[in-house]
Protein backbone atom coordinates (compact mmCIF):
# COMPACT_ATOMS: atom_id res chain seq x y z
CA MET A 1 111.24 -18.49 54.78
CA SER A 2 107.26 -19.29 55.15
CA LEU A 3 106.19 -22.99 54.66
CA CYS A 4 103.57 -21.37 51.83
CA ALA A 5 106.35 -19.52 50.00
CA LEU A 6 109.13 -22.55 50.13
CA LEU A 7 106.48 -24.95 48.60
CA CYS A 8 106.00 -22.15 46.06
CA CYS A 9 109.64 -21.53 44.88
CA ALA A 10 110.33 -25.72 45.54
CA ALA A 11 107.24 -26.60 42.91
CA GLY A 12 109.68 -24.33 39.96
CA ALA A 13 107.26 -22.90 37.55
CA LEU A 14 104.56 -22.39 40.53
CA PRO A 15 103.73 -19.62 41.36
CA CYS A 16 106.22 -18.03 44.13
CA VAL A 17 106.75 -15.69 47.38
CA GLY A 18 103.89 -13.24 47.75
CA GLN A 19 101.35 -14.74 45.73
CA SER A 20 98.89 -17.84 46.39
CA ASN A 21 99.58 -21.50 47.05
CA PRO A 22 99.16 -23.51 44.40
CA TRP A 23 97.23 -26.11 46.51
CA ASN A 24 94.79 -23.68 47.75
CA GLY A 25 91.19 -23.03 45.88
CA THR A 26 88.67 -25.47 45.04
CA TRP A 27 88.73 -28.49 42.32
CA LYS A 28 86.66 -30.23 40.53
CA MET A 29 86.46 -34.19 40.07
CA ASP A 30 86.42 -35.13 36.44
CA VAL A 31 83.41 -38.08 36.29
CA SER A 32 85.04 -39.39 33.17
CA SER A 33 88.51 -40.28 34.97
CA ILE A 34 87.57 -41.93 37.80
CA LYS A 35 88.76 -45.96 38.09
CA PHE A 36 87.89 -48.37 40.71
CA ALA A 37 88.88 -51.89 40.95
CA GLY A 38 87.32 -53.56 44.46
CA PRO A 39 87.43 -56.59 46.46
CA ASN A 40 86.45 -60.00 45.76
CA PHE A 41 83.90 -61.57 48.19
CA SER A 42 82.27 -64.68 48.81
CA ILE A 43 78.32 -65.41 50.37
CA ALA A 44 76.94 -68.25 51.36
CA MET A 45 73.48 -68.19 51.95
CA ASP A 46 71.05 -71.02 52.54
CA ALA A 47 67.33 -71.48 54.50
CA GLU A 48 68.57 -69.87 57.90
CA GLY A 49 70.57 -66.64 56.97
CA TYR A 50 74.13 -65.61 54.97
CA THR A 51 77.73 -66.18 56.24
CA LEU A 52 80.57 -63.07 54.55
CA THR A 53 84.11 -64.27 53.98
CA ARG A 54 85.89 -61.41 52.58
CA GLY A 55 89.89 -60.86 52.66
CA GLY A 56 89.61 -64.49 53.85
CA LYS A 57 88.04 -63.75 56.49
CA THR A 58 84.27 -65.31 57.08
CA ASP A 59 81.74 -63.65 59.36
CA PRO A 60 80.07 -64.99 61.81
CA LYS A 61 76.61 -66.21 59.93
CA ARG A 62 73.87 -63.95 60.09
CA ILE A 63 70.00 -65.40 60.36
CA CYS A 64 67.44 -63.67 58.70
CA ASP A 65 64.41 -63.86 60.55
CA GLY A 66 63.39 -60.60 61.10
CA GLN A 67 64.36 -60.73 65.12
CA PRO A 68 66.87 -59.02 66.36
CA HIS A 69 70.47 -60.59 67.09
CA LYS A 70 73.05 -59.22 68.85
CA ALA A 71 77.08 -59.60 68.67
CA SER A 72 79.53 -59.73 71.62
CA ASP A 73 81.03 -56.22 70.56
CA GLY A 74 77.54 -54.70 71.23
CA THR A 75 76.56 -54.49 67.89
CA THR A 76 72.27 -55.75 66.69
CA THR A 77 71.77 -57.19 64.10
CA ILE A 78 68.09 -57.52 61.99
CA CYS A 79 68.01 -59.23 58.68
CA THR A 80 64.79 -59.68 56.56
CA ARG A 81 64.60 -61.18 53.56
CA SER A 82 63.35 -60.04 50.66
CA GLY A 83 62.69 -60.95 46.98
CA SER A 84 66.13 -62.90 45.82
CA GLY A 85 68.14 -60.53 48.37
CA TYR A 86 67.35 -59.37 51.56
CA GLN A 87 68.18 -56.15 54.11
CA VAL A 88 69.84 -55.69 56.78
CA ASP A 89 69.64 -53.22 59.35
CA THR A 90 72.23 -52.51 62.02
CA THR A 91 73.43 -50.55 64.95
CA LYS A 92 75.23 -49.91 67.94
CA THR A 93 75.31 -47.19 70.48
CA GLY A 94 77.86 -44.31 69.37
CA ASP A 95 78.53 -45.89 66.18
CA ALA A 96 76.56 -44.78 62.86
CA ALA A 97 73.18 -46.93 62.63
CA VAL A 98 73.07 -48.33 58.81
CA LYS A 99 70.55 -49.66 57.02
CA ALA A 100 71.15 -52.28 53.70
CA THR A 101 69.18 -53.48 51.15
CA ILE A 102 70.41 -55.84 48.65
CA SER A 103 69.06 -57.57 45.69
CA LEU A 104 69.99 -58.81 42.56
CA SER A 105 69.49 -58.03 38.86
CA SER A 106 67.20 -59.06 36.82
CA ASP A 107 69.83 -62.26 35.37
CA GLY A 108 71.48 -62.74 38.27
CA SER A 109 74.45 -61.19 37.22
CA MET A 110 75.35 -57.88 39.31
CA MET A 111 74.58 -57.50 42.83
CA THR A 112 73.68 -54.10 44.03
CA ARG A 113 73.88 -52.79 47.85
CA LYS A 114 72.82 -49.41 48.87
CA ALA A 115 73.08 -48.45 52.04
CA LEU A 116 71.41 -45.52 54.11
CA ILE A 117 74.03 -44.79 56.95
CA SER A 118 72.84 -42.38 59.84
CA PRO A 119 75.72 -41.24 61.42
CA PRO A 120 75.39 -40.05 65.63
CA ALA A 121 75.99 -36.71 64.37
CA GLY A 122 75.35 -35.04 60.72
CA ALA A 123 73.00 -36.13 57.98
CA PRO A 124 72.54 -39.28 56.64
CA PHE A 125 73.56 -40.44 53.34
CA THR A 126 73.68 -43.45 50.69
CA ILE A 127 76.59 -45.09 49.51
CA THR A 128 75.37 -47.72 46.82
CA THR A 129 78.18 -50.18 45.33
CA THR A 130 77.90 -52.68 42.25
CA SER A 131 79.30 -55.78 42.12
CA LYS A 132 79.77 -58.54 38.93
CA ARG A 133 78.98 -62.07 39.57
CA VAL A 134 82.86 -64.36 39.59
CA SER A 135 81.13 -67.19 39.91
CA GLY A 136 78.26 -69.18 42.23
CA GLY A 137 74.41 -69.22 42.87
CA PRO A 138 72.12 -69.48 42.62
CA GLY A 139 70.59 -65.76 44.26
CA VAL A 140 73.30 -64.28 45.72
CA SER A 141 75.56 -67.05 46.83
CA GLY A 142 78.67 -67.16 45.38
CA THR A 143 82.14 -64.89 44.47
CA TRP A 144 81.52 -61.76 43.40
CA LYS A 145 83.89 -58.86 42.43
CA GLU A 146 82.67 -54.83 43.46
CA VAL A 147 83.21 -52.49 40.28
CA ARG A 148 80.87 -49.63 41.14
CA PHE A 149 80.83 -47.47 44.13
CA ALA A 150 78.71 -44.52 44.70
CA GLU A 151 78.24 -41.70 47.19
CA SER A 152 75.06 -39.59 47.93
CA SER A 153 76.94 -36.73 49.66
CA GLU A 154 79.36 -36.90 46.97
CA THR A 155 79.70 -33.30 45.57
CA GLY A 156 82.49 -33.67 43.59
CA LEU A 157 84.23 -30.56 45.02
CA LEU A 158 87.88 -31.09 46.73
CA THR A 159 88.91 -27.67 48.50
CA ILE A 160 92.21 -26.76 50.01
CA THR A 161 93.90 -23.80 51.96
CA VAL A 162 96.95 -24.36 53.02
CA ALA A 163 98.64 -21.35 55.91
CA GLY A 164 101.79 -21.87 57.03
CA GLY A 165 102.14 -24.93 58.84
CA SER A 166 98.49 -26.14 59.01
CA VAL A 167 96.04 -27.08 56.23
CA ALA A 168 91.82 -26.73 55.55
CA PHE A 169 91.28 -29.72 54.23
CA LYS A 170 88.11 -30.75 52.69
CA GLU A 171 87.09 -34.16 50.45
CA THR A 172 84.33 -34.51 48.05
CA ASP A 173 82.05 -36.10 50.88
CA ALA A 174 82.78 -34.07 53.98
CA ALA A 175 80.28 -31.85 55.49
CA LYS A 176 83.00 -29.14 56.13
CA PRO A 177 87.06 -28.49 56.33
CA THR A 178 89.11 -30.55 58.70
CA THR A 179 91.94 -28.61 59.80
CA CYS A 180 95.56 -30.53 60.22
CA LYS A 181 98.82 -29.66 60.64
CA LEU A 182 101.29 -31.11 57.53
CA ASP A 183 103.34 -32.88 59.53
CA GLY A 184 100.77 -36.22 60.06
CA THR A 185 99.67 -34.91 63.34
CA GLU A 186 96.44 -37.31 63.76
CA VAL A 187 93.32 -34.79 64.35
CA LYS A 188 89.74 -36.71 66.08
CA LEU A 189 86.96 -36.80 64.23
CA GLY A 190 84.53 -38.68 66.14
CA GLY A 191 84.67 -41.60 67.86
CA THR A 192 87.67 -43.39 67.15
CA ALA A 193 87.77 -42.00 63.99
CA THR A 194 91.33 -39.65 63.12
CA MET A 195 92.61 -37.79 60.18
CA ALA A 196 96.06 -37.48 59.03
CA ILE A 197 97.68 -34.88 56.41
CA LYS A 198 101.73 -35.06 56.12
CA MET A 199 102.84 -32.96 52.97
CA GLU A 200 105.24 -35.51 51.17
CA GLY A 201 107.49 -32.53 49.08
CA PRO A 202 105.76 -29.88 47.40
CA HIS A 203 103.89 -31.78 44.29
CA THR A 204 102.18 -34.33 47.32
CA LEU A 205 99.43 -34.56 50.60
CA LYS A 206 99.11 -38.03 51.52
CA VAL A 207 95.77 -38.15 53.88
CA THR A 208 94.80 -40.54 56.55
CA TYR A 209 92.03 -42.38 58.00
CA ARG A 210 92.37 -44.41 60.53
CA ALA A 211 89.72 -45.66 62.94
CA GLU A 212 90.29 -48.18 66.36
CA GLY A 213 94.45 -47.44 65.53
CA LYS A 214 93.47 -49.49 62.40
CA ILE A 215 94.14 -47.15 58.79
CA ARG A 216 90.88 -47.20 57.20
CA ARG A 217 91.87 -45.15 53.88
CA GLU A 218 94.95 -43.47 52.76
CA ASN A 219 94.57 -40.93 50.37
CA THR A 220 97.29 -39.43 47.91
CA PHE A 221 96.66 -36.25 46.34
CA GLU A 222 99.46 -35.60 43.81
CA LEU A 223 99.55 -31.60 42.05
CA SER A 224 100.81 -31.65 38.73
CA PRO A 225 103.85 -29.64 37.41
CA ASP A 226 101.58 -26.43 36.08
CA GLY A 227 99.41 -26.55 39.41
CA LYS A 228 96.30 -27.19 37.16
CA THR A 229 95.11 -30.70 38.14
CA ILE A 230 95.46 -32.64 41.14
CA LYS A 231 95.21 -36.45 40.94
CA GLU A 232 93.74 -38.41 43.71
CA THR A 233 94.47 -42.08 44.24
CA ASP A 234 92.31 -43.73 47.21
CA VAL A 235 93.54 -46.88 49.18
CA THR A 236 91.11 -48.74 51.10
CA PRO A 237 93.32 -51.80 53.02
CA GLU A 238 92.04 -55.58 53.40
CA PRO A 239 89.78 -56.91 54.76
CA SER A 240 88.40 -54.96 51.81
CA PRO A 241 90.63 -53.81 49.90
CA SER A 242 90.19 -51.30 47.23
CA THR A 243 92.23 -48.55 44.50
CA THR A 244 90.25 -45.75 43.20
CA SER A 245 92.03 -42.61 41.33
CA MET A 246 90.74 -39.47 39.88
CA LEU A 247 91.65 -36.30 38.83
CA PHE A 248 90.34 -33.01 39.46
CA HIS A 249 90.80 -29.71 37.69
CA LYS A 250 91.49 -26.30 39.74
CA SER A 251 87.83 -24.26 39.12
């Protein structure tokens, strides 16, 4: 029996042999269902620059003098003060260029980081992260918790096509589908980044993203028994741990 037929039969009430796989199709994100729990982090800023501590690890101090500073790993950073916040431009050969602007709300209780990311290949996009002050001050100094996350390339549409032992999988922020085997075999995405998909029973797909040999994100997709809803749970590990969950409805 083909994998498609086997998966269908194992789903019980879902369509069986001769009908389309229940995973296949376009799925629309239910924005109202999004839940995000981001990490805590702290910033210590002085007249010279700032240090960022996340996941128990303190990064080297960044000097905010508007001049380029090159790190031992080949990354060049330019930090410039901007009002109560600052702007950081980061470049590294072969990696995406990042221009990040960090700003505070008028009462200093919220901080927004808007990053323009320009990958070596593909269109630029923005990631906006909003954090709530936990303690500290003045300015950006203190402890913060990420409470919102948004990406400009997010379409809200998930597409899945299972055929035999492979799947063409397109997440909501991807430009095109990536075809993977369903046994967890890694597929290169560019640079050191890889993606792997594993079918863990008829109702669960596990998607793992790695870079430099380390897990960067693990996404679990759970298909409802009636085949009408998918629940996605994204987990990002240390040093920036976060969990995001949302629902998708078949469109």
